[in-house]
Amino acid sequence: MPRHTDQSTKNEILSAIKDGLSVADAAIKYTKPTQTIYAWLRGQVDNIGTSALEVAKLRRENTELKEIIGWLTLEKRRGEKNHRG
């Protein structure tokens, strides 16, 4: 029989995911099935119609892109330094 999750725990899990924790990691940490967490995320929609799942995905993607930009900037500076001699 499925166990009921109290609202405060559910909110804590969803908040952690919004802050960047993956659903898989949240499932392990809070011992909840990933399917359950995904269902909660699909049910969460902000005031402009964006799901919490999409927000978390976009935040992770944004972080990855910032890392790529930093790496490219560093490589560009190294190239300029080597070119000058």
PDB file of N, CA and C in Angstrom:
ATOM      1  N   MET A   1       0.841  -1.183   0.000  1.00  0.00           N
ATOM      2  CA  MET A   1       0.000   0.000   0.000  1.00  0.00           C
ATOM      3  C   MET A   1       0.889   1.250   0.000  1.00  0.00           C
ATOM      4  N   PRO A   2       0.598   2.203  -0.882  1.00  0.00           N
ATOM      5  CA  PRO A   2       1.420   3.415  -0.937  1.00  0.00           C
ATOM      6  C   PRO A   2       1.314   4.224   0.346  1.00  0.00           C
ATOM      7  N   ARG A   3       2.442   4.796   0.720  1.00  0.00           N
ATOM      8  CA  ARG A   3       2.456   5.643   1.908  1.00  0.00           C
ATOM      9  C   ARG A   3       2.165   7.074   1.494  1.00  0.00           C
ATOM     10  N   HIS A   4       1.387   7.749   2.293  1.00  0.00           N
ATOM     11  CA  HIS A   4       1.081   9.152   2.042  1.00  0.00           C
ATOM     12  C   HIS A   4       2.270  10.005   2.472  1.00  0.00           C
ATOM     13  N   THR A   5       2.577  10.997   1.667  1.00  0.00           N
ATOM     14  CA  THR A   5       3.656  11.926   1.995  1.00  0.00           C
ATOM     15  C   THR A   5       3.032  13.227   2.461  1.00  0.00           C
ATOM     16  N   ASP A   6       3.418  13.677   3.651  1.00  0.00           N
ATOM     17  CA  ASP A   6       2.837  14.921   4.153  1.00  0.00           C
ATOM     18  C   ASP A   6       3.295  16.092   3.281  1.00  0.00           C
ATOM     19  N   GLN A   7       2.494  17.139   3.270  1.00  0.00           N
ATOM     20  CA  GLN A   7       2.715  18.283   2.393  1.00  0.00           C
ATOM     21  C   GLN A   7       4.059  18.970   2.637  1.00  0.00           C
ATOM     22  N   SER A   8       4.496  19.043   3.886  1.00  0.00           N
ATOM     23  CA  SER A   8       5.770  19.720   4.164  1.00  0.00           C
ATOM     24  C   SER A   8       6.949  18.951   3.554  1.00  0.00           C
ATOM     25  N   THR A   9       6.904  17.619   3.619  1.00  0.00           N
ATOM     26  CA  THR A   9       7.961  16.811   3.007  1.00  0.00           C
ATOM     27  C   THR A   9       7.915  16.941   1.490  1.00  0.00           C
ATOM     28  N   LYS A  10       6.725  16.898   0.936  1.00  0.00           N
ATOM     29  CA  LYS A  10       6.553  17.064  -0.506  1.00  0.00           C
ATOM     30  C   LYS A  10       7.111  18.418  -0.952  1.00  0.00           C
ATOM     31  N   ASN A  11       6.792  19.467  -0.217  1.00  0.00           N
ATOM     32  CA  ASN A  11       7.300  20.806  -0.538  1.00  0.00           C
ATOM     33  C   ASN A  11       8.822  20.862  -0.444  1.00  0.00           C
ATOM     34  N   GLU A  12       9.380  20.196   0.563  1.00  0.00           N
ATOM     35  CA  GLU A  12      10.837  20.159   0.732  1.00  0.00           C
ATOM     36  C   GLU A  12      11.505  19.481  -0.468  1.00  0.00           C
ATOM     37  N   ILE A  13      10.931  18.371  -0.911  1.00  0.00           N
ATOM     38  CA  ILE A  13      11.470  17.642  -2.058  1.00  0.00           C
ATOM     39  C   ILE A  13      11.389  18.496  -3.320  1.00  0.00           C
ATOM     40  N   LEU A  14      10.237  19.095  -3.567  1.00  0.00           N
ATOM     41  CA  LEU A  14      10.058  19.921  -4.762  1.00  0.00           C
ATOM     42  C   LEU A  14      10.970  21.137  -4.735  1.00  0.00           C
ATOM     43  N   SER A  15      11.150  21.711  -3.568  1.00  0.00           N
ATOM     44  CA  SER A  15      12.039  22.863  -3.430  1.00  0.00           C
ATOM     45  C   SER A  15      13.485  22.476  -3.732  1.00  0.00           C
ATOM     46  N   ALA A  16      13.899  21.322  -3.232  1.00  0.00           N
ATOM     47  CA  ALA A  16      15.267  20.848  -3.488  1.00  0.00           C
ATOM     48  C   ALA A  16      15.489  20.635  -4.981  1.00  0.00           C
ATOM     49  N   ILE A  17      14.483  20.123  -5.666  1.00  0.00           N
ATOM     50  CA  ILE A  17      14.597  19.905  -7.109  1.00  0.00           C
ATOM     51  C   ILE A  17      14.643  21.241  -7.845  1.00  0.00           C
ATOM     52  N   LYS A  18      13.826  22.177  -7.420  1.00  0.00           N
ATOM     53  CA  LYS A  18      13.854  23.510  -8.039  1.00  0.00           C
ATOM     54  C   LYS A  18      15.210  24.168  -7.848  1.00  0.00           C
ATOM     55  N   ASP A  19      15.891  23.836  -6.755  1.00  0.00           N
ATOM     56  CA  ASP A  19      17.215  24.404  -6.475  1.00  0.00           C
ATOM     57  C   ASP A  19      18.339  23.641  -7.174  1.00  0.00           C
ATOM     58  N   GLY A  20      17.983  22.612  -7.953  1.00  0.00           N
ATOM     59  CA  GLY A  20      18.992  21.936  -8.757  1.00  0.00           C
ATOM     60  C   GLY A  20      19.239  20.471  -8.463  1.00  0.00           C
ATOM     61  N   LEU A  21      18.652  19.925  -7.399  1.00  0.00           N
ATOM     62  CA  LEU A  21      18.819  18.501  -7.114  1.00  0.00           C
ATOM     63  C   LEU A  21      18.088  17.704  -8.196  1.00  0.00           C
ATOM     64  N   SER A  22      18.714  16.676  -8.724  1.00  0.00           N
ATOM     65  CA  SER A  22      18.053  15.878  -9.757  1.00  0.00           C
ATOM     66  C   SER A  22      16.937  15.045  -9.132  1.00  0.00           C
ATOM     67  N   VAL A  23      15.980  14.659  -9.957  1.00  0.00           N
ATOM     68  CA  VAL A  23      14.877  13.830  -9.473  1.00  0.00           C
ATOM     69  C   VAL A  23      15.417  12.496  -8.967  1.00  0.00           C
ATOM     70  N   ALA A  24      16.377  11.934  -9.677  1.00  0.00           N
ATOM     71  CA  ALA A  24      16.960  10.651  -9.249  1.00  0.00           C
ATOM     72  C   ALA A  24      17.609  10.773  -7.874  1.00  0.00           C
ATOM     73  N   ASP A  25      18.355  11.857  -7.664  1.00  0.00           N
ATOM     74  CA  ASP A  25      18.995  12.059  -6.360  1.00  0.00           C
ATOM     75  C   ASP A  25      17.964  12.322  -5.268  1.00  0.00           C
ATOM     76  N   ALA A  26      16.917  13.062  -5.601  1.00  0.00           N
ATOM     77  CA  ALA A  26      15.851  13.323  -4.627  1.00  0.00           C
ATOM     78  C   ALA A  26      15.145  12.023  -4.252  1.00  0.00           C
ATOM     79  N   ALA A  27      14.922  11.159  -5.230  1.00  0.00           N
ATOM     80  CA  ALA A  27      14.261   9.879  -4.968  1.00  0.00           C
ATOM     81  C   ALA A  27      15.073   9.040  -3.990  1.00  0.00           C
ATOM     82  N   ILE A  28      16.385   9.054  -4.166  1.00  0.00           N
ATOM     83  CA  ILE A  28      17.257   8.301  -3.257  1.00  0.00           C
ATOM     84  C   ILE A  28      17.270   8.946  -1.874  1.00  0.00           C
ATOM     85  N   LYS A  29      17.473  10.257  -1.853  1.00  0.00           N
ATOM     86  CA  LYS A  29      17.590  10.969  -0.577  1.00  0.00           C
ATOM     87  C   LYS A  29      16.322  10.844   0.267  1.00  0.00           C
ATOM     88  N   TYR A  30      15.162  10.965  -0.373  1.00  0.00           N
ATOM     89  CA  TYR A  30      13.895  10.973   0.365  1.00  0.00           C
ATOM     90  C   TYR A  30      13.149   9.642   0.287  1.00  0.00           C
ATOM     91  N   THR A  31      13.763   8.638  -0.313  1.00  0.00           N
ATOM     92  CA  THR A  31      13.174   7.303  -0.492  1.00  0.00           C
ATOM     93  C   THR A  31      11.750   7.365  -1.049  1.00  0.00           C
ATOM     94  N   LYS A  32      11.643   8.043  -2.176  1.00  0.00           N
ATOM     95  CA  LYS A  32      10.370   8.151  -2.897  1.00  0.00           C
ATOM     96  C   LYS A  32      10.599   7.679  -4.328  1.00  0.00           C
ATOM     97  N   PRO A  33       9.617   7.040  -4.936  1.00  0.00           N
ATOM     98  CA  PRO A  33       9.775   6.624  -6.335  1.00  0.00           C
ATOM     99  C   PRO A  33       9.899   7.839  -7.263  1.00  0.00           C
ATOM    100  N   THR A  34      10.750   7.715  -8.269  1.00  0.00           N
ATOM    101  CA  THR A  34      10.909   8.829  -9.214  1.00  0.00           C
ATOM    102  C   THR A  34       9.584   9.148  -9.905  1.00  0.00           C
ATOM    103  N   GLN A  35       8.775   8.129 -10.177  1.00  0.00           N
ATOM    104  CA  GLN A  35       7.490   8.358 -10.837  1.00  0.00           C
ATOM    105  C   GLN A  35       6.597   9.271  -9.998  1.00  0.00           C
ATOM    106  N   THR A  36       6.628   9.074  -8.688  1.00  0.00           N
ATOM    107  CA  THR A  36       5.829   9.904  -7.785  1.00  0.00           C
ATOM    108  C   THR A  36       6.306  11.345  -7.829  1.00  0.00           C
ATOM    109  N   ILE A  37       7.615  11.530  -7.785  1.00  0.00           N
ATOM    110  CA  ILE A  37       8.167  12.888  -7.800  1.00  0.00           C
ATOM    111  C   ILE A  37       7.852  13.569  -9.126  1.00  0.00           C
ATOM    112  N   TYR A  38       7.987  12.841 -10.239  1.00  0.00           N
ATOM    113  CA  TYR A  38       7.647  13.427 -11.540  1.00  0.00           C
ATOM    114  C   TYR A  38       6.170  13.819 -11.596  1.00  0.00           C
ATOM    115  N   ALA A  39       5.308  13.022 -11.001  1.00  0.00           N
ATOM    116  CA  ALA A  39       3.878  13.361 -10.969  1.00  0.00           C
ATOM    117  C   ALA A  39       3.653  14.646 -10.180  1.00  0.00           C
ATOM    118  N   TRP A  40       4.337  14.790  -9.056  1.00  0.00           N
ATOM    119  CA  TRP A  40       4.225  16.030  -8.275  1.00  0.00           C
ATOM    120  C   TRP A  40       4.698  17.221  -9.095  1.00  0.00           C
ATOM    121  N   LEU A  41       5.824  17.031  -9.790  1.00  0.00           N
ATOM    122  CA  LEU A  41       6.388  18.127 -10.589  1.00  0.00           C
ATOM    123  C   LEU A  41       5.456  18.532 -11.726  1.00  0.00           C
ATOM    124  N   ARG A  42       4.844  17.564 -12.357  1.00  0.00           N
ATOM    125  CA  ARG A  42       3.900  17.893 -13.432  1.00  0.00           C
ATOM    126  C   ARG A  42       2.710  18.673 -12.888  1.00  0.00           C
ATOM    127  N   GLY A  43       2.362  18.425 -11.643  1.00  0.00           N
ATOM    128  CA  GLY A  43       1.247  19.127 -11.020  1.00  0.00           C
ATOM    129  C   GLY A  43       1.587  20.529 -10.556  1.00  0.00           C
ATOM    130  N   GLN A  44       2.866  20.823 -10.441  1.00  0.00           N
ATOM    131  CA  GLN A  44       3.312  22.142  -9.991  1.00  0.00           C
ATOM    132  C   GLN A  44       3.487  23.053 -11.196  1.00  0.00           C
ATOM    133  N   VAL A  45       2.722  24.120 -11.267  1.00  0.00           N
ATOM    134  CA  VAL A  45       2.857  25.086 -12.349  1.00  0.00           C
ATOM    135  C   VAL A  45       2.901  26.467 -11.731  1.00  0.00           C
ATOM    136  N   ASP A  46       3.869  27.285 -12.182  1.00  0.00           N
ATOM    137  CA  ASP A  46       3.957  28.637 -11.623  1.00  0.00           C
ATOM    138  C   ASP A  46       2.930  29.554 -12.286  1.00  0.00           C
ATOM    139  N   ASN A  47       2.976  30.832 -11.944  1.00  0.00           N
ATOM    140  CA  ASN A  47       1.954  31.768 -12.414  1.00  0.00           C
ATOM    141  C   ASN A  47       2.048  32.090 -13.903  1.00  0.00           C
ATOM    142  N   ILE A  48       3.096  31.646 -14.589  1.00  0.00           N
ATOM    143  CA  ILE A  48       3.163  31.871 -16.035  1.00  0.00           C
ATOM    144  C   ILE A  48       3.059  30.554 -16.807  1.00  0.00           C
ATOM    145  N   GLY A  49       2.715  29.481 -16.125  1.00  0.00           N
ATOM    146  CA  GLY A  49       2.480  28.209 -16.787  1.00  0.00           C
ATOM    147  C   GLY A  49       3.699  27.330 -16.978  1.00  0.00           C
ATOM    148  N   THR A  50       4.777  27.608 -16.267  1.00  0.00           N
ATOM    149  CA  THR A  50       5.989  26.804 -16.373  1.00  0.00           C
ATOM    150  C   THR A  50       6.016  25.787 -15.237  1.00  0.00           C
ATOM    151  N   SER A  51       6.217  24.527 -15.574  1.00  0.00           N
ATOM    152  CA  SER A  51       6.244  23.490 -14.540  1.00  0.00           C
ATOM    153  C   SER A  51       7.551  23.553 -13.765  1.00  0.00           C
ATOM    154  N   ALA A  52       7.510  23.070 -12.546  1.00  0.00           N
ATOM    155  CA  ALA A  52       8.712  23.028 -11.708  1.00  0.00           C
ATOM    156  C   ALA A  52       9.776  22.151 -12.349  1.00  0.00           C
ATOM    157  N   LEU A  53       9.356  21.108 -13.030  1.00  0.00           N
ATOM    158  CA  LEU A  53      10.292  20.223 -13.718  1.00  0.00           C
ATOM    159  C   LEU A  53      11.037  20.986 -14.808  1.00  0.00           C
ATOM    160  N   GLU A  54      10.308  21.793 -15.567  1.00  0.00           N
ATOM    161  CA  GLU A  54      10.940  22.579 -16.625  1.00  0.00           C
ATOM    162  C   GLU A  54      11.882  23.631 -16.047  1.00  0.00           C
ATOM    163  N   VAL A  55      11.480  24.257 -14.944  1.00  0.00           N
ATOM    164  CA  VAL A  55      12.332  25.258 -14.298  1.00  0.00           C
ATOM    165  C   VAL A  55      13.642  24.619 -13.842  1.00  0.00           C
ATOM    166  N   ALA A  56      13.567  23.458 -13.213  1.00  0.00           N
ATOM    167  CA  ALA A  56      14.773  22.770 -12.743  1.00  0.00           C
ATOM    168  C   ALA A  56      15.668  22.387 -13.922  1.00  0.00           C
ATOM    169  N   LYS A  57      15.061  21.905 -14.994  1.00  0.00           N
ATOM    170  CA  LYS A  57      15.829  21.535 -16.186  1.00  0.00           C
ATOM    171  C   LYS A  57      16.528  22.758 -16.764  1.00  0.00           C
ATOM    172  N   LEU A  58      15.823  23.868 -16.855  1.00  0.00           N
ATOM    173  CA  LEU A  58      16.413  25.090 -17.405  1.00  0.00           C
ATOM    174  C   LEU A  58      17.536  25.620 -16.522  1.00  0.00           C
ATOM    175  N   ARG A  59      17.393  25.499 -15.212  1.00  0.00           N
ATOM    176  CA  ARG A  59      18.461  25.943 -14.308  1.00  0.00           C
ATOM    177  C   ARG A  59      19.726  25.113 -14.496  1.00  0.00           C
ATOM    178  N   ARG A  60      19.564  23.792 -14.609  1.00  0.00           N
ATOM    179  CA  ARG A  60      20.728  22.932 -14.844  1.00  0.00           C
ATOM    180  C   ARG A  60      21.381  23.261 -16.187  1.00  0.00           C
ATOM    181  N   GLU A  61      20.549  23.458 -17.200  1.00  0.00           N
ATOM    182  CA  GLU A  61      21.067  23.801 -18.522  1.00  0.00           C
ATOM    183  C   GLU A  61      21.804  25.141 -18.482  1.00  0.00           C
ATOM    184  N   ASN A  62      21.250  26.100 -17.766  1.00  0.00           N
ATOM    185  CA  ASN A  62      21.876  27.414 -17.623  1.00  0.00           C
ATOM    186  C   ASN A  62      23.248  27.291 -16.961  1.00  0.00           C
ATOM    187  N   THR A  63      23.343  26.487 -15.927  1.00  0.00           N
ATOM    188  CA  THR A  63      24.616  26.269 -15.240  1.00  0.00           C
ATOM    189  C   THR A  63      25.639  25.642 -16.188  1.00  0.00           C
ATOM    190  N   GLU A  64      25.204  24.653 -16.957  1.00  0.00           N
ATOM    191  CA  GLU A  64      26.107  24.013 -17.915  1.00  0.00           C
ATOM    192  C   GLU A  64      26.598  25.009 -18.956  1.00  0.00           C
ATOM    193  N   LEU A  65      25.702  25.857 -19.445  1.00  0.00           N
ATOM    194  CA  LEU A  65      26.090  26.850 -20.452  1.00  0.00           C
ATOM    195  C   LEU A  65      27.073  27.868 -19.882  1.00  0.00           C
ATOM    196  N   LYS A  66      26.870  28.267 -18.632  1.00  0.00           N
ATOM    197  CA  LYS A  66      27.804  29.199 -17.995  1.00  0.00           C
ATOM    198  C   LYS A  66      29.188  28.570 -17.874  1.00  0.00           C
ATOM    199  N   GLU A  67      29.241  27.282 -17.566  1.00  0.00           N
ATOM    200  CA  GLU A  67      30.525  26.588 -17.484  1.00  0.00           C
ATOM    201  C   GLU A  67      31.214  26.555 -18.844  1.00  0.00           C
ATOM    202  N   ILE A  68      30.445  26.319 -19.897  1.00  0.00           N
ATOM    203  CA  ILE A  68      31.004  26.297 -21.248  1.00  0.00           C
ATOM    204  C   ILE A  68      31.537  27.671 -21.624  1.00  0.00           C
ATOM    205  N   ILE A  69      30.779  28.716 -21.315  1.00  0.00           N
ATOM    206  CA  ILE A  69      31.219  30.082 -21.612  1.00  0.00           C
ATOM    207  C   ILE A  69      32.515  30.388 -20.874  1.00  0.00           C
ATOM    208  N   GLY A  70      32.601  29.992 -19.619  1.00  0.00           N
ATOM    209  CA  GLY A  70      33.822  30.210 -18.848  1.00  0.00           C
ATOM    210  C   GLY A  70      35.004  29.490 -19.459  1.00  0.00           C
ATOM    211  N   TRP A  71      34.802  28.258 -19.875  1.00  0.00           N
ATOM    212  CA  TRP A  71      35.871  27.480 -20.493  1.00  0.00           C
ATOM    213  C   TRP A  71      36.318  28.129 -21.799  1.00  0.00           C
ATOM    214  N   LEU A  72      35.353  28.553 -22.633  1.00  0.00           N
ATOM    215  CA  LEU A  72      35.695  29.187 -23.909  1.00  0.00           C
ATOM    216  C   LEU A  72      36.426  30.510 -23.700  1.00  0.00           C
ATOM    217  N   THR A  73      36.015  31.268 -22.703  1.00  0.00           N
ATOM    218  CA  THR A  73      36.687  32.530 -22.392  1.00  0.00           C
ATOM    219  C   THR A  73      38.132  32.274 -21.982  1.00  0.00           C
ATOM    220  N   LEU A  74      38.337  31.272 -21.147  1.00  0.00           N
ATOM    221  CA  LEU A  74      39.686  30.914 -20.712  1.00  0.00           C
ATOM    222  C   LEU A  74      40.548  30.487 -21.902  1.00  0.00           C
ATOM    223  N   GLU A  75      39.997  29.658 -22.774  1.00  0.00           N
ATOM    224  CA  GLU A  75      40.733  29.207 -23.958  1.00  0.00           C
ATOM    225  C   GLU A  75      41.082  30.383 -24.869  1.00  0.00           C
ATOM    226  N   LYS A  76      40.163  31.318 -25.009  1.00  0.00           N
ATOM    227  CA  LYS A  76      40.406  32.497 -25.848  1.00  0.00           C
ATOM    228  C   LYS A  76      41.553  33.319 -25.268  1.00  0.00           C
ATOM    229  N   ARG A  77      41.545  33.517 -23.968  1.00  0.00           N
ATOM    230  CA  ARG A  77      42.613  34.284 -23.319  1.00  0.00           C
ATOM    231  C   ARG A  77      43.961  33.586 -23.463  1.00  0.00           C
ATOM    232  N   ARG A  78      43.961  32.278 -23.327  1.00  0.00           N
ATOM    233  CA  ARG A  78      45.206  31.519 -23.505  1.00  0.00           C
ATOM    234  C   ARG A  78      45.735  31.682 -24.924  1.00  0.00           C
ATOM    235  N   GLY A  79      44.827  31.650 -25.895  1.00  0.00           N
ATOM    236  CA  GLY A  79      45.212  31.807 -27.289  1.00  0.00           C
ATOM    237  C   GLY A  79      45.785  33.181 -27.557  1.00  0.00           C
ATOM    238  N   GLU A  80      45.172  34.208 -26.971  1.00  0.00           N
ATOM    239  CA  GLU A  80      45.674  35.576 -27.145  1.00  0.00           C
ATOM    240  C   GLU A  80      47.049  35.722 -26.508  1.00  0.00           C
ATOM    241  N   LYS A  81      47.230  35.111 -25.348  1.00  0.00           N
ATOM    242  CA  LYS A  81      48.505  35.189 -24.633  1.00  0.00           C
ATOM    243  C   LYS A  81      49.605  34.491 -25.435  1.00  0.00           C
ATOM    244  N   ASN A  82      49.310  33.329 -26.000  1.00  0.00           N
ATOM    245  CA  ASN A  82      50.287  32.587 -26.798  1.00  0.00           C
ATOM    246  C   ASN A  82      50.607  33.309 -28.102  1.00  0.00           C
ATOM    247  N   HIS A  83      49.622  33.983 -28.663  1.00  0.00           N
ATOM    248  CA  HIS A  83      49.806  34.688 -29.931  1.00  0.00           C
ATOM    249  C   HIS A  83      50.731  35.895 -29.759  1.00  0.00           C
ATOM    250  N   ARG A  84      50.611  36.559 -28.599  1.00  0.00           N
ATOM    251  CA  ARG A  84      51.448  37.728 -28.320  1.00  0.00           C
ATOM    252  C   ARG A  84      52.892  37.328 -28.051  1.00  0.00           C
ATOM    253  N   GLY A  85      53.048  36.139 -27.542  1.00  0.00           N
ATOM    254  CA  GLY A  85      54.320  35.648 -27.441  1.00  0.00           C
ATOM    255  C   GLY A  85      55.215  35.530 -26.387  1.00  0.00           C
TER     256      GLY A  85
END
